[in-house]
Amino acid sequence: MKVILNKDIDNLGLFGDVVNVKSGYARNYLLPNEMVVRYNKHNLDVSKVKMDKYGKQRELEKLSAEDQKNKIEELNIKIERKAGEKGVLYGSVTISDIEEELKKLDINIERKKFNLTEPIKKLGQFTCKVRLFRDVSAELKIEVAPEGGEMAPLAEVEKSNYVRSEDVYLED
């Protein structure tokens, strides 16, 4: 079924594009949610008029996204978490944690715009891609540090004075 997109839809197309979709997808999801209109001459003419207005709005949004990209790439957010001996976190740093840190800096970005392939589970420096606009992406630098600042050096234990019993060290 041929339809005209009323808005940008991931993996389908951009506003005003004429695309072919399965009729069930159009009938059951796209049309009821007013994401598309049926393809015909009248709807095509209406869509062209909307595209002129939409084009100007898109340019403003792109400029705003460029400014936001510059702000984000200058940032280096620091997230503190409890970590084990080898720098492995007890929990993990997720997109919602990153979103919270940015909100503290008065930067509001929707969660779905972050591209973090998997949660961060170790201490160190990481980058997270943020898709701000169709062609505008930023890389956010994230530093995951141990809670309380620097990691305390591990206490060296003389094993000759201790005997191991069921994962608990007891003095002789």
Protein backbone atom coordinates (compact mmCIF):
# COMPACT_ATOMS: atom_id res chain seq x y z
CA MET A 1 0.00 0.00 0.00
CA LYS A 2 1.38 3.43 -0.91
CA VAL A 3 1.26 6.05 1.83
CA ILE A 4 2.61 9.56 2.49
CA LEU A 5 4.43 10.04 5.80
CA ASN A 6 3.08 12.75 8.13
CA LYS A 7 6.22 12.63 10.26
CA ASP A 8 9.69 11.11 10.34
CA ILE A 9 9.52 7.41 11.18
CA ASP A 10 12.67 5.46 11.97
CA ASN A 11 13.49 2.74 9.44
CA LEU A 12 10.69 3.94 7.15
CA GLY A 13 11.33 7.47 5.93
CA LEU A 14 11.07 11.21 6.43
CA PHE A 15 8.12 13.57 6.48
CA GLY A 16 6.53 13.84 3.02
CA ASP A 17 8.11 10.67 1.62
CA VAL A 18 5.92 8.32 -0.40
CA VAL A 19 6.63 4.77 0.72
CA ASN A 20 5.22 1.29 0.21
CA VAL A 21 4.21 -0.55 3.37
CA LYS A 22 2.27 -3.70 4.05
CA SER A 23 -1.45 -2.99 4.13
CA GLY A 24 -1.92 -4.50 7.61
CA TYR A 25 0.84 -2.28 9.06
CA ALA A 26 -0.73 0.80 7.49
CA ARG A 27 -4.31 -0.09 8.39
CA ASN A 28 -3.66 -1.25 11.96
CA TYR A 29 -0.88 1.05 13.13
CA LEU A 30 0.15 3.91 10.86
CA LEU A 31 -3.28 5.23 9.80
CA PRO A 32 -4.98 5.07 13.24
CA ASN A 33 -2.02 6.89 14.83
CA GLU A 34 -2.13 9.50 12.04
CA MET A 35 1.49 8.86 11.08
CA VAL A 36 0.59 8.53 7.39
CA VAL A 37 -2.15 9.37 4.92
CA ARG A 38 -3.22 7.32 1.94
CA TYR A 39 -1.49 8.14 -1.32
CA ASN A 40 -3.68 10.06 -3.74
CA LYS A 41 -3.41 13.31 -5.71
CA HIS A 42 -5.21 15.45 -3.13
CA ASN A 43 -3.13 14.17 -0.18
CA LEU A 44 0.05 14.61 -2.25
CA ASP A 45 -0.79 18.29 -2.92
CA VAL A 46 -1.61 18.91 0.75
CA SER A 47 1.63 17.20 1.74
CA LYS A 48 3.67 19.48 -0.55
CA VAL A 49 2.19 22.58 1.10
CA LYS A 50 2.95 21.17 4.56
CA MET A 51 6.51 20.33 3.47
CA ASP A 52 7.23 24.00 2.68
CA LYS A 53 6.27 25.03 6.23
CA TYR A 54 7.96 21.97 7.67
CA GLY A 55 11.22 22.71 5.83
CA LYS A 56 11.66 26.06 7.58
CA GLN A 57 10.95 24.47 10.95
CA ARG A 58 13.46 21.70 10.20
CA GLU A 59 16.20 24.25 9.50
CA LEU A 60 15.60 25.87 12.89
CA GLU A 61 15.65 22.50 14.62
CA LYS A 62 18.89 21.59 12.86
CA LEU A 63 20.56 24.83 14.00
CA SER A 64 19.40 24.16 17.56
CA ALA A 65 20.76 20.61 17.36
CA GLU A 66 24.14 21.93 16.14
CA ASP A 67 24.34 24.26 19.15
CA GLN A 68 23.40 21.44 21.50
CA LYS A 69 26.02 19.21 19.86
CA ASN A 70 28.74 21.75 20.62
CA LYS A 71 27.63 21.96 24.27
CA ILE A 72 27.55 18.18 24.67
CA GLU A 73 30.95 17.57 23.09
CA GLU A 74 32.54 20.07 25.48
CA LEU A 75 31.14 18.21 28.49
CA ASN A 76 32.88 15.49 30.42
CA ILE A 77 30.39 14.11 32.93
CA LYS A 78 31.61 12.17 35.94
CA ILE A 79 29.55 9.40 37.47
CA GLU A 80 30.62 7.80 40.74
CA ARG A 81 29.75 4.19 41.54
CA LYS A 82 30.84 1.55 44.01
CA ALA A 83 33.47 -0.69 42.45
CA GLY A 84 35.27 -3.88 43.32
CA GLU A 85 38.97 -4.68 43.40
CA LYS A 86 39.61 -4.81 39.68
CA GLY A 87 37.52 -1.78 38.76
CA VAL A 88 34.36 -3.77 38.10
CA LEU A 89 31.22 -1.92 39.18
CA TYR A 90 28.77 -3.49 41.61
CA GLY A 91 25.95 -2.17 39.46
CA SER A 92 26.18 -0.57 36.06
CA VAL A 93 25.86 2.84 34.46
CA THR A 94 22.83 2.97 32.17
CA ILE A 95 21.27 5.52 29.87
CA SER A 96 18.94 6.70 32.65
CA ASP A 97 21.99 7.48 34.84
CA ILE A 98 23.53 9.52 32.03
CA GLU A 99 20.21 11.29 31.43
CA GLU A 100 20.01 12.23 35.14
CA GLU A 101 23.52 13.70 35.11
CA LEU A 102 22.68 15.80 32.06
CA LYS A 103 19.46 17.03 33.69
CA LYS A 104 21.56 18.30 36.60
CA LEU A 105 23.39 20.44 34.01
CA ASP A 106 20.06 21.68 32.53
CA ILE A 107 20.42 19.62 29.35
CA ASN A 108 17.25 17.69 28.53
CA ILE A 109 17.62 14.92 25.98
CA GLU A 110 15.15 12.11 25.43
CA ARG A 111 16.33 8.68 26.51
CA LYS A 112 15.75 7.17 23.07
CA LYS A 113 18.33 9.51 21.50
CA PHE A 114 21.22 7.91 23.40
CA ASN A 115 23.12 5.09 21.74
CA LEU A 116 24.87 3.08 24.42
CA THR A 117 25.33 -0.43 23.06
CA GLU A 118 25.55 -2.00 26.51
CA PRO A 119 25.58 -0.74 30.09
CA ILE A 120 28.94 0.41 31.43
CA LYS A 121 30.22 -2.10 33.98
CA LYS A 122 33.81 -0.95 34.58
CA LEU A 123 35.63 2.14 35.79
CA GLY A 124 37.22 4.35 33.14
CA GLN A 125 36.52 6.71 30.25
CA PHE A 126 33.69 5.97 27.83
CA THR A 127 31.85 7.74 25.03
CA CYS A 128 28.15 7.63 24.28
CA LYS A 129 26.69 8.71 20.96
CA VAL A 130 23.72 11.04 21.15
CA ARG A 131 21.56 11.43 18.04
CA LEU A 132 20.22 14.96 18.23
CA PHE A 133 18.81 15.33 14.73
CA ARG A 134 18.68 13.31 11.54
CA ASP A 135 22.25 14.25 10.47
CA VAL A 136 23.56 15.63 13.77
CA SER A 137 25.16 13.34 16.35
CA ALA A 138 27.35 14.19 19.31
CA GLU A 139 29.76 12.14 21.37
CA LEU A 140 29.37 12.55 25.11
CA LYS A 141 32.44 11.78 27.24
CA ILE A 142 31.68 9.87 30.41
CA GLU A 143 34.09 9.18 33.24
CA VAL A 144 33.09 6.43 35.63
CA ALA A 145 34.98 6.84 38.91
CA PRO A 146 34.85 4.94 42.19
CA GLU A 147 32.64 6.37 44.91
CA GLY A 148 34.48 8.80 47.18
CA GLY A 149 37.10 9.89 44.65
CA GLU A 150 40.19 7.90 43.86
CA MET A 151 40.34 4.17 44.31
CA ALA A 152 42.04 3.24 47.56
CA PRO A 153 45.01 0.90 47.16
CA LEU A 154 44.23 -2.64 48.18
CA ALA A 155 45.61 -3.58 51.57
CA GLU A 156 48.39 -6.09 51.26
CA VAL A 157 47.66 -8.99 53.52
CA GLU A 158 50.39 -11.35 54.63
CA LYS A 159 48.77 -14.64 53.82
CA SER A 160 51.18 -16.51 56.08
CA ASN A 161 49.42 -15.07 59.14
CA TYR A 162 45.93 -16.01 57.92
CA VAL A 163 44.15 -19.26 57.13
CA ARG A 164 41.31 -19.34 54.62
CA SER A 165 38.11 -20.96 55.78
CA GLU A 166 34.99 -20.69 53.62
CA ASP A 167 35.98 -17.37 51.99
CA VAL A 168 36.61 -15.76 55.39
CA TYR A 169 40.09 -14.95 56.62
CA LEU A 170 40.67 -15.95 60.20
CA GLU A 171 43.80 -15.40 62.26
CA ASP A 172 45.72 -18.52 63.33
